[in-house]
C-alpha cells in the first residue's frame, strides 16, 4: 500500500515537471516540442485564434451594442481534419409593417389607404470553403412574402450561387467569380441587403439592377481585384437581362407582354473604384460603419447589351424592338466616424418609352440620381437618423416622366446589423406619364440574421 502511494506521488511529481505540447491540427498530445505544436497551457488560446473542429459567429471587431457584439453573417464551422476548409450557414429575415396612402391626381380614380404587414426578405444562406483559394456561396429566398392585400407568398428561388477563386496567383489584383454573382451596376445594389440603411433601395437603382442582367446576377464570369485597397475593379460578361423583366418609361413591365426574342447577345462591361487619399481607403462595401473608421471613394461603370431584338405582344398590339442597351453609373461615398454620405448617378440608353404600342417601339434616354446620408450616435445606444432624396427622369425626350422620392427615418442598431429596428417616412411623386399620383408611406422595419 505504501509502495503504491509512493509510486503515485512520484508519477504526479514527474508529470507536473513535464511540459506537454498539443498538435494544433490533430489535437494529439506530446511531451516534446515540434512543428505545429503548442504548449498545452496555451492550446486553448490558440484554438480561440484558429478554431479546430469548432464554430465561430461573433464579430470580435464589433462595437458593444445594447444587446452585445454584432455577429458575422452566418455561423462558421471548421473541421478538425481539414482546417483550411470550412462551412457557413445562416438565416436573414426583414419584417415590415406599412401604411401606403395613394392620392391620384385624376378625379376618375379613387384614392386608397392600405395597411400591410409582410416579410421584406426571407433567406437561407450557405457557403463552403474548399481550401486556401476556392469557395462557393449561395442562398435561397422568398422576398416580399405576404406582400400586398393579396398576401402573395411568392416562390423560393436562388439568389447568389457563385464559385469564388481568391488570389490564385498570390495577389489581390486577380480574383475570379463564376455563375450567379452580382455585377457592380450600383454601389447600393452591390452592398448586401443586410448592410443597407433603408431596406427598399432607390427606384432608379432597382431599375439599373434589371437593365443589364437579371437581378444584376444573371449567370456570368468575372475577374476583379484591388491594388492596396486604393484601386478596385471588376470586369464581367454573361447572360443579358430579358425584356420582360424591365419596366418601360411608363412603369409597365415587359412581363405583361408575350416576349419573343430573335437575337440577343451577352452583356459585358466593368467598373473602377478609386480611394485617392491615404488612410481613407474603402476596405468593405457597406452602408453601415457604426462610427468606426473613415473612407472616401469614387467610381464609374459602363455596361452594355450590344443586341436585343424581337417582339412583344400585349393584347392585340405587337411591339417590335431592336435595342442596344447601355448603362452608365457614377458613384461617390464617404464616412467619418458616425457620419456617412453616398450618392449615385445613372444614365440609361435605348430605354423603351412604352411597350403597349402597335408597331416599332419608341426608345430614348433616361437619367436619375439619389443621395443618402446617416449619422450614428455612438454615445446614445447607436440610434441613427438618416435621409434620402431621389430624382429620376424616366424618359428625357418627352415631358411628364419625372419621379421624385424623399424619405427620412431612424434606425436603432440593437446589435449592429444582426438585430435592428427602425421607422421610415417616404413621400413619392409620379408625374402624368408615370402614374400621375402622390404616394405616402410609413414603415416600421426590423432585421435579424444569424
Protein backbone atom coordinates (compact mmCIF):
# COMPACT_ATOMS: atom_id res chain seq x y z
CA UNK A 1 0.00 0.00 0.00
CA UNK A 2 2.83 2.35 0.91
CA UNK A 3 4.65 1.43 -2.33
CA UNK A 4 1.51 2.24 -4.46
CA UNK A 5 1.06 5.59 -2.75
CA UNK A 6 4.75 6.41 -3.25
CA UNK A 7 4.54 5.49 -6.96
CA UNK A 8 1.51 7.69 -7.45
CA UNK A 9 3.26 10.63 -5.77
CA UNK A 10 6.35 10.17 -7.94
CA UNK A 11 4.23 9.95 -11.12
CA UNK A 12 2.33 13.11 -10.23
CA UNK A 13 5.56 14.97 -9.48
CA UNK A 14 7.12 13.80 -12.73
CA UNK A 15 4.12 14.86 -14.85
CA UNK A 16 3.98 18.26 -13.21
CA UNK A 17 7.58 18.83 -14.24
CA UNK A 18 6.97 17.78 -17.85
CA UNK A 19 5.87 20.34 -20.46
CA UNK A 20 3.10 18.96 -22.65
CA UNK A 21 2.55 20.00 -26.27
CA UNK A 22 -0.55 19.68 -28.45
CA UNK A 23 -0.69 19.43 -32.24
CA UNK A 24 -3.00 22.24 -33.42
CA UNK A 25 -4.30 20.13 -36.34
CA UNK A 26 -4.75 16.65 -34.85
CA UNK A 27 -5.16 17.54 -31.17
CA UNK A 28 -2.68 14.82 -30.16
CA UNK A 29 -0.57 15.47 -27.03
CA UNK A 30 3.25 15.17 -26.97
CA UNK A 31 5.99 15.62 -24.40
CA UNK A 32 8.41 17.18 -26.91
CA UNK A 33 8.19 20.38 -28.93
CA UNK A 34 7.73 20.16 -32.71
CA UNK A 35 6.29 21.86 -35.79
CA UNK A 36 2.65 22.74 -35.35
CA UNK A 37 2.70 22.02 -31.60
CA UNK A 38 1.88 24.50 -28.84
CA UNK A 39 2.37 24.31 -25.09
CA UNK A 40 -0.70 22.62 -23.66
CA UNK A 41 -1.48 25.54 -21.36
CA UNK A 42 -1.60 27.80 -24.45
CA UNK A 43 -3.66 25.42 -26.55
CA UNK A 44 -6.98 26.96 -25.52
CA UNK A 45 -5.72 30.40 -26.52
CA UNK A 46 -4.55 29.02 -29.86
CA UNK A 47 -7.98 27.49 -30.52
CA UNK A 48 -9.58 30.88 -30.00
CA UNK A 49 -7.47 32.25 -32.83
CA UNK A 50 -7.71 29.28 -35.19
CA UNK A 51 -10.70 27.15 -34.17
CA UNK A 52 -10.30 23.45 -34.90
CA UNK A 53 -13.43 21.33 -35.05
CA UNK A 54 -15.23 24.42 -33.74
CA UNK A 55 -17.68 27.19 -34.60
CA UNK A 56 -17.46 30.98 -34.73
CA UNK A 57 -20.18 33.61 -35.06
CA UNK A 58 -19.27 36.76 -33.05
CA UNK A 59 -17.52 39.64 -34.81
CA UNK A 60 -14.76 40.41 -32.31
CA UNK A 61 -14.06 43.78 -34.00
CA UNK A 62 -17.65 44.91 -33.48
CA UNK A 63 -18.59 47.69 -31.06
CA UNK A 64 -20.54 46.70 -27.96
CA UNK A 65 -24.20 47.42 -28.74
CA UNK A 66 -27.11 47.29 -26.30
CA UNK A 67 -27.58 43.55 -26.96
CA UNK A 68 -23.91 42.71 -27.39
CA UNK A 69 -21.42 42.48 -30.23
CA UNK A 70 -22.63 42.07 -33.81
CA UNK A 71 -22.41 38.59 -35.30
CA UNK A 72 -20.83 37.73 -38.61
CA UNK A 73 -23.24 36.95 -41.42
CA UNK A 74 -23.69 33.17 -40.92
CA UNK A 75 -22.08 30.77 -38.45
CA UNK A 76 -18.73 29.26 -39.48
CA UNK A 77 -17.79 25.61 -38.90
CA UNK A 78 -14.16 24.43 -39.21
CA UNK A 79 -13.47 20.65 -39.45
CA UNK A 80 -10.71 19.11 -37.34
CA UNK A 81 -9.12 17.08 -40.12
CA UNK A 82 -9.05 19.90 -42.72
CA UNK A 83 -8.64 23.30 -41.00
CA UNK A 84 -8.35 25.16 -44.32
CA UNK A 85 -11.85 24.03 -45.25
CA UNK A 86 -15.00 25.47 -43.70
CA UNK A 87 -18.77 25.63 -43.93
CA UNK A 88 -21.11 28.55 -43.20
CA UNK A 89 -24.86 28.57 -42.70
CA UNK A 90 -27.32 31.19 -41.55
CA UNK A 91 -30.65 32.93 -41.97
CA UNK A 92 -31.77 36.51 -42.66
CA UNK A 93 -35.22 37.97 -42.15
CA UNK A 94 -36.54 41.51 -42.55
CA UNK A 95 -40.05 42.41 -41.46
CA UNK A 96 -42.18 45.44 -42.41
CA UNK A 97 -45.39 46.98 -41.08
CA UNK A 98 -46.51 49.54 -43.64
CA UNK A 99 -49.17 52.12 -44.38
CA UNK A 100 -49.45 53.28 -48.02
CA UNK A 101 -51.70 56.23 -48.90
CA UNK A 102 -52.11 56.98 -52.63
CA UNK A 103 -53.53 60.28 -53.87
CA UNK A 104 -54.44 60.05 -57.56
CA UNK A 105 -54.40 63.37 -59.36
CA UNK A 106 -57.03 62.27 -61.87
CA UNK A 107 -60.56 62.61 -60.49
CA UNK A 108 -61.58 59.36 -62.21
CA UNK A 109 -59.51 57.28 -59.76
CA UNK A 110 -60.39 56.77 -56.12
CA UNK A 111 -57.65 57.40 -53.55
CA UNK A 112 -56.51 54.41 -51.48
CA UNK A 113 -55.15 53.84 -47.99
CA UNK A 114 -53.77 50.36 -47.33
CA UNK A 115 -52.14 48.78 -44.28
CA UNK A 116 -49.88 45.83 -44.89
CA UNK A 117 -47.50 43.57 -42.98
CA UNK A 118 -45.05 41.38 -44.85
CA UNK A 119 -41.59 39.84 -44.80
CA UNK A 120 -39.39 42.07 -46.93
CA UNK A 121 -36.65 39.42 -47.15
CA UNK A 122 -36.60 35.77 -46.09
CA UNK A 123 -33.35 33.97 -46.86
CA UNK A 124 -31.37 30.86 -46.03
CA UNK A 125 -27.67 31.23 -46.82
CA UNK A 126 -24.85 28.70 -47.09
CA UNK A 127 -21.20 28.86 -48.11
CA UNK A 128 -18.38 26.34 -48.27
CA UNK A 129 -14.62 26.81 -48.42
CA UNK A 130 -12.72 24.14 -50.33
CA UNK A 131 -9.24 25.27 -49.38
CA UNK A 132 -6.98 28.27 -49.49
CA UNK A 133 -8.24 29.69 -52.79
CA UNK A 134 -11.75 28.44 -53.60
CA UNK A 135 -15.19 28.71 -52.03
CA UNK A 136 -18.86 28.55 -53.03
CA UNK A 137 -21.68 30.84 -51.88
CA UNK A 138 -25.43 30.52 -52.43
CA UNK A 139 -28.80 31.38 -50.92
CA UNK A 140 -32.47 30.59 -51.42
CA UNK A 141 -35.02 33.32 -50.84
CA UNK A 142 -38.70 34.22 -50.75
CA UNK A 143 -38.65 38.02 -50.61
CA UNK A 144 -41.82 40.08 -50.09
CA UNK A 145 -43.64 37.12 -48.61
CA UNK A 146 -47.27 38.01 -47.69
CA UNK A 147 -46.86 41.26 -49.63
CA UNK A 148 -49.90 43.35 -50.59
CA UNK A 149 -53.58 42.88 -49.89
CA UNK A 150 -53.40 39.58 -51.78
CA UNK A 151 -50.80 38.28 -49.26
CA UNK A 152 -48.75 36.95 -52.15
CA UNK A 153 -46.43 34.20 -50.95
CA UNK A 154 -44.12 34.14 -53.94
CA UNK A 155 -41.77 31.24 -54.51
CA UNK A 156 -38.39 30.28 -53.15
CA UNK A 157 -35.68 30.84 -55.74
CA UNK A 158 -31.92 31.01 -55.95
CA UNK A 159 -30.20 34.34 -55.33
CA UNK A 160 -26.42 34.20 -55.22
CA UNK A 161 -24.82 30.96 -56.42
CA UNK A 162 -21.21 31.52 -57.33
CA UNK A 163 -17.80 29.93 -57.19
CA UNK A 164 -15.08 32.29 -55.95
CA UNK A 165 -11.40 31.76 -56.67
CA UNK A 166 -9.45 34.10 -54.41
CA UNK A 167 -5.84 35.16 -55.08
CA UNK A 168 -4.91 32.19 -57.31
CA UNK A 169 -1.65 33.96 -58.20
CA UNK A 170 -0.92 35.13 -54.66
CA UNK A 171 -2.05 38.71 -55.23
CA UNK A 172 -5.28 40.61 -54.54
CA UNK A 173 -5.07 42.07 -58.06
CA UNK A 174 -6.64 38.98 -59.66
CA UNK A 175 -9.67 37.04 -58.36
CA UNK A 176 -12.50 35.25 -60.17
CA UNK A 177 -16.21 34.58 -59.72
CA UNK A 178 -18.33 32.26 -61.86
CA UNK A 179 -22.10 31.57 -62.17
CA UNK A 180 -24.62 33.78 -60.30
CA UNK A 181 -22.62 36.66 -58.81
CA UNK A 182 -23.52 40.36 -58.69
CA UNK A 183 -22.17 42.72 -61.30
CA UNK A 184 -21.50 46.19 -59.91
CA UNK A 185 -24.15 48.27 -61.67
CA UNK A 186 -24.64 50.34 -58.50
CA UNK A 187 -22.99 50.71 -55.12
CA UNK A 188 -26.21 50.41 -53.12
CA UNK A 189 -27.27 47.38 -55.20
CA UNK A 190 -23.90 45.69 -54.62
CA UNK A 191 -23.91 46.20 -50.84
CA UNK A 192 -25.58 43.22 -49.14
CA UNK A 193 -29.16 43.95 -48.14
CA UNK A 194 -28.20 43.14 -44.53
CA UNK A 195 -25.92 46.19 -44.57
CA UNK A 196 -28.04 48.81 -46.35
CA UNK A 197 -29.53 51.73 -44.42
CA UNK A 198 -33.02 51.53 -45.97
CA UNK A 199 -34.34 48.08 -46.96
CA UNK A 200 -36.06 49.42 -50.09
CA UNK A 201 -33.39 50.82 -52.38
CA UNK A 202 -33.97 53.83 -54.70
CA UNK A 203 -36.26 53.27 -57.70
CA UNK A 204 -33.55 54.27 -60.17
CA UNK A 205 -31.05 51.82 -58.63
CA UNK A 206 -33.59 48.97 -58.77
CA UNK A 207 -34.13 49.75 -62.45
CA UNK A 208 -30.37 49.54 -63.04
CA UNK A 209 -30.32 46.16 -61.28
CA UNK A 210 -32.56 44.69 -64.01
CA UNK A 211 -31.42 46.69 -67.04
CA UNK A 212 -28.27 44.75 -67.96
CA UNK A 213 -28.54 41.35 -66.26
CA UNK A 214 -31.43 39.71 -64.41
CA UNK A 215 -31.38 40.99 -60.83
CA UNK A 216 -27.74 42.05 -61.57
CA UNK A 217 -26.63 38.46 -61.17
CA UNK A 218 -27.58 36.51 -64.30
CA UNK A 219 -25.05 33.73 -64.96
CA UNK A 220 -21.71 35.38 -65.68
CA UNK A 221 -17.95 35.17 -65.39
CA UNK A 222 -15.99 37.97 -63.80
CA UNK A 223 -12.49 38.98 -62.81
CA UNK A 224 -11.95 41.52 -60.06
CA UNK A 225 -9.35 42.76 -57.63
CA UNK A 226 -7.71 45.68 -55.90
CA UNK A 227 -4.34 47.38 -55.59
CA UNK A 228 -3.58 48.21 -51.95
CA UNK A 229 -7.30 49.00 -51.48
CA UNK A 230 -6.73 52.21 -53.46
CA UNK A 231 -7.99 50.93 -56.82
CA UNK A 232 -10.75 48.34 -57.18
CA UNK A 233 -12.01 46.96 -60.47
CA UNK A 234 -14.49 44.44 -61.88
CA UNK A 235 -14.86 43.12 -65.44
CA UNK A 236 -17.69 40.76 -66.34
CA UNK A 237 -19.63 39.19 -69.21
CA UNK A 238 -22.63 36.90 -69.18
CA UNK A 239 -26.34 36.34 -69.64
CA UNK A 240 -28.24 39.53 -70.54
CA UNK A 241 -31.50 40.65 -68.95
CA UNK A 242 -34.76 39.65 -70.55
CA UNK A 243 -37.01 42.48 -71.75
CA UNK A 244 -39.94 41.01 -69.82
CA UNK A 245 -38.13 41.85 -66.54
CA UNK A 246 -37.61 45.53 -67.33
CA UNK A 247 -40.03 48.42 -66.86
CA UNK A 248 -40.71 50.76 -69.76
CA UNK A 249 -40.62 54.52 -69.12
CA UNK A 250 -44.27 54.46 -68.03
CA UNK A 251 -43.54 51.82 -65.39
CA UNK A 252 -45.11 48.86 -67.22
CA UNK A 253 -43.23 45.57 -67.13
CA UNK A 254 -42.47 43.63 -70.25
CA UNK A 255 -43.86 40.62 -68.36
CA UNK A 256 -47.32 41.98 -69.21
CA UNK A 257 -46.45 41.02 -72.77
CA UNK A 258 -45.66 37.82 -74.61
CA UNK A 259 -41.99 38.38 -75.45
CA UNK A 260 -40.29 36.58 -78.33
CA UNK A 261 -36.54 37.17 -78.69
CA UNK A 262 -34.96 36.54 -82.08
CA UNK A 263 -31.43 37.85 -81.46
CA UNK A 264 -29.70 38.56 -78.17
CA UNK A 265 -26.03 38.90 -77.16
CA UNK A 266 -24.21 38.56 -73.86
CA UNK A 267 -23.76 41.66 -71.71
CA UNK A 268 -20.29 42.96 -70.93
CA UNK A 269 -18.73 45.83 -69.04
CA UNK A 270 -16.94 46.80 -65.87
CA UNK A 271 -16.37 49.20 -63.02
CA UNK A 272 -13.40 51.03 -61.47
CA UNK A 273 -13.43 52.49 -57.93
CA UNK A 274 -10.75 54.77 -56.50
CA UNK A 275 -9.86 55.65 -52.91
CA UNK A 276 -7.45 58.52 -53.63
CA UNK A 277 -6.40 59.55 -50.09
CA UNK A 278 -4.03 57.57 -47.89
CA UNK A 279 -5.69 56.37 -44.71
CA UNK A 280 -9.15 56.82 -46.26
CA UNK A 281 -9.30 53.59 -48.30
CA UNK A 282 -12.56 51.68 -48.68
CA UNK A 283 -11.98 48.16 -47.34
CA UNK A 284 -15.55 46.80 -47.31
CA UNK A 285 -18.70 47.55 -49.34
CA UNK A 286 -21.26 48.60 -46.75
CA UNK A 287 -23.53 51.49 -45.79
CA UNK A 288 -23.27 50.86 -42.04
CA UNK A 289 -19.98 51.67 -40.27
CA UNK A 290 -21.24 52.24 -36.68
CA UNK A 291 -18.99 55.22 -36.07
CA UNK A 292 -15.73 53.38 -36.78
CA UNK A 293 -13.02 54.45 -39.25
CA UNK A 294 -13.20 56.64 -42.32
CA UNK A 295 -13.19 56.34 -46.12
CA UNK A 296 -13.64 58.27 -49.35
CA UNK A 297 -14.24 56.56 -52.70
CA UNK A 298 -15.40 57.44 -56.20
CA UNK A 299 -16.23 55.07 -59.04
CA UNK A 300 -17.58 54.74 -62.57
CA UNK A 301 -19.08 51.85 -64.52
CA UNK A 302 -20.11 51.12 -68.09
CA UNK A 303 -22.31 48.14 -69.01
CA UNK A 304 -23.77 47.17 -72.40
CA UNK A 305 -26.01 44.64 -74.16
CA UNK A 306 -24.95 45.08 -77.81
CA UNK A 307 -28.05 43.45 -79.28
CA UNK A 308 -31.57 42.63 -78.05
CA UNK A 309 -34.07 42.09 -80.85
CA UNK A 310 -37.58 40.65 -81.01
CA UNK A 311 -41.24 41.48 -80.44
CA UNK A 312 -43.60 41.86 -77.50
CA UNK A 313 -47.34 41.28 -77.83
CA UNK A 314 -49.74 42.97 -75.38
CA UNK A 315 -53.38 42.28 -76.09
CA UNK A 316 -53.88 42.85 -79.79
CA UNK A 317 -50.81 45.07 -80.14
CA UNK A 318 -47.37 43.81 -81.15
CA UNK A 319 -44.33 45.96 -80.38
CA UNK A 320 -41.15 45.35 -82.37
CA UNK A 321 -37.87 46.19 -80.65
CA UNK A 322 -34.22 46.29 -81.71
CA UNK A 323 -32.27 47.54 -78.71
CA UNK A 324 -28.67 48.32 -77.79
CA UNK A 325 -28.84 48.85 -74.05
CA UNK A 326 -26.19 50.89 -72.26
CA UNK A 327 -25.91 51.80 -68.58
CA UNK A 328 -23.53 54.36 -67.09
CA UNK A 329 -23.14 54.56 -63.31
CA UNK A 330 -21.12 57.06 -61.28
CA UNK A 331 -20.81 56.68 -57.52
CA UNK A 332 -19.25 58.56 -54.60
CA UNK A 333 -19.28 57.70 -50.91
CA UNK A 334 -17.56 58.77 -47.70
CA UNK A 335 -17.79 58.31 -43.99
CA UNK A 336 -16.00 59.77 -40.99
CA UNK A 337 -16.77 58.16 -37.66
CA UNK A 338 -20.57 58.46 -37.24
CA UNK A 339 -21.27 60.42 -40.43
CA UNK A 340 -21.94 58.68 -43.76
CA UNK A 341 -22.94 60.02 -47.19
CA UNK A 342 -23.42 58.29 -50.52
CA UNK A 343 -24.65 59.37 -53.95
CA UNK A 344 -25.03 57.81 -57.40
CA UNK A 345 -25.90 58.92 -60.93
CA UNK A 346 -27.40 56.65 -63.63
CA UNK A 347 -27.76 57.06 -67.38
CA UNK A 348 -29.85 54.58 -69.42
CA UNK A 349 -29.60 54.48 -73.22
CA UNK A 350 -32.17 52.84 -75.53
CA UNK A 351 -34.90 52.67 -72.91
CA UNK A 352 -38.38 51.77 -74.21
CA UNK A 353 -40.94 54.55 -73.88
CA UNK A 354 -43.96 52.23 -73.93
CA UNK A 355 -44.41 48.50 -74.54
CA UNK A 356 -48.13 48.71 -75.33
CA UNK A 357 -47.91 50.02 -78.90
CA UNK A 358 -48.65 48.59 -82.32
CA UNK A 359 -45.51 48.65 -84.49
CA UNK A 360 -41.93 49.57 -83.61
CA UNK A 361 -41.37 50.84 -80.06
CA UNK A 362 -40.01 54.32 -79.46
CA UNK A 363 -36.75 54.47 -77.49
CA UNK A 364 -34.82 57.24 -75.78
CA UNK A 365 -32.69 58.05 -72.76
CA UNK A 366 -33.32 58.13 -69.04
CA UNK A 367 -31.25 59.52 -66.17
CA UNK A 368 -31.51 59.85 -62.42
CA UNK A 369 -29.65 60.24 -59.16
CA UNK A 370 -30.04 59.83 -55.42
CA UNK A 371 -28.19 60.83 -52.26
CA UNK A 372 -28.29 59.08 -48.86
CA UNK A 373 -26.87 60.20 -45.52
CA UNK A 374 -26.88 58.80 -41.99
CA UNK A 375 -25.45 59.83 -38.64
CA UNK A 376 -24.87 57.23 -35.90
CA UNK A 377 -24.95 58.44 -32.29
CA UNK A 378 -22.40 56.03 -30.84
CA UNK A 379 -22.79 57.52 -27.34
CA UNK A 380 -26.60 57.17 -27.43
CA UNK A 381 -27.26 53.45 -27.96
CA UNK A 382 -26.35 53.58 -31.69
CA UNK A 383 -29.51 55.39 -32.71
CA UNK A 384 -29.05 56.61 -36.31
CA UNK A 385 -31.29 59.10 -38.17
CA UNK A 386 -30.99 59.09 -41.97
CA UNK A 387 -32.37 60.83 -45.07
CA UNK A 388 -32.51 60.07 -48.79
CA UNK A 389 -33.60 62.05 -51.85
CA UNK A 390 -34.08 60.71 -55.38
CA UNK A 391 -34.85 62.32 -58.75
CA UNK A 392 -35.37 60.23 -61.88
CA UNK A 393 -36.43 61.35 -65.38
CA UNK A 394 -37.62 58.09 -66.88
CA UNK A 395 -37.82 59.41 -70.48
CA UNK A 396 -35.93 62.60 -71.23
CA UNK A 397 -37.31 63.19 -74.72
CA UNK A 398 -40.90 63.80 -73.53
CA UNK A 399 -42.29 65.82 -70.59
CA UNK A 400 -44.21 64.16 -67.77
CA UNK A 401 -41.91 61.23 -66.93
CA UNK A 402 -40.30 62.51 -63.71
CA UNK A 403 -40.31 60.59 -60.43
CA UNK A 404 -39.11 62.11 -57.14
CA UNK A 405 -38.82 60.41 -53.78
CA UNK A 406 -37.87 61.80 -50.37
CA UNK A 407 -37.57 59.77 -47.20
CA UNK A 408 -36.46 60.24 -43.63
CA UNK A 409 -36.08 57.65 -40.96
CA UNK A 410 -34.28 56.37 -37.93
CA UNK A 411 -32.51 53.06 -37.28
CA UNK A 412 -31.70 51.64 -33.88
CA UNK A 413 -28.81 49.20 -34.06
CA UNK A 414 -29.55 46.98 -31.08
CA UNK A 415 -26.83 44.53 -32.09
CA UNK A 416 -25.39 46.15 -35.19
CA UNK A 417 -26.94 44.74 -38.34
CA UNK A 418 -27.64 41.45 -36.55
CA UNK A 419 -30.61 42.97 -34.74
CA UNK A 420 -32.01 46.36 -35.67
CA UNK A 421 -35.35 48.16 -35.79
CA UNK A 422 -36.39 51.38 -37.46
CA UNK A 423 -39.03 53.77 -38.75
CA UNK A 424 -39.25 55.28 -42.26
CA UNK A 425 -41.43 58.07 -43.70
CA UNK A 426 -41.42 58.34 -47.51
CA UNK A 427 -43.14 60.71 -49.96
CA UNK A 428 -43.11 59.88 -53.70
CA UNK A 429 -44.41 61.94 -56.62
CA UNK A 430 -45.11 60.38 -60.02
CA UNK A 431 -45.83 62.70 -62.95
CA UNK A 432 -48.56 62.25 -65.55
CA UNK A 433 -46.85 59.57 -67.64
CA UNK A 434 -45.55 57.51 -64.70
CA UNK A 435 -48.78 57.09 -62.74
CA UNK A 436 -49.98 60.66 -62.05
CA UNK A 437 -50.13 60.21 -58.27
CA UNK A 438 -48.59 61.06 -54.90
CA UNK A 439 -47.76 58.20 -52.55
CA UNK A 440 -47.03 58.49 -48.83
CA UNK A 441 -45.53 55.50 -47.00
CA UNK A 442 -44.83 54.91 -43.32
CA UNK A 443 -42.96 51.78 -42.27
CA UNK A 444 -41.85 50.07 -39.08
CA UNK A 445 -39.00 47.78 -40.03
CA UNK A 446 -36.80 45.18 -38.33
CA UNK A 447 -33.97 42.84 -39.24
CA UNK A 448 -32.49 39.66 -37.75
CA UNK A 449 -29.74 37.49 -39.12
CA UNK A 450 -27.62 34.69 -37.77
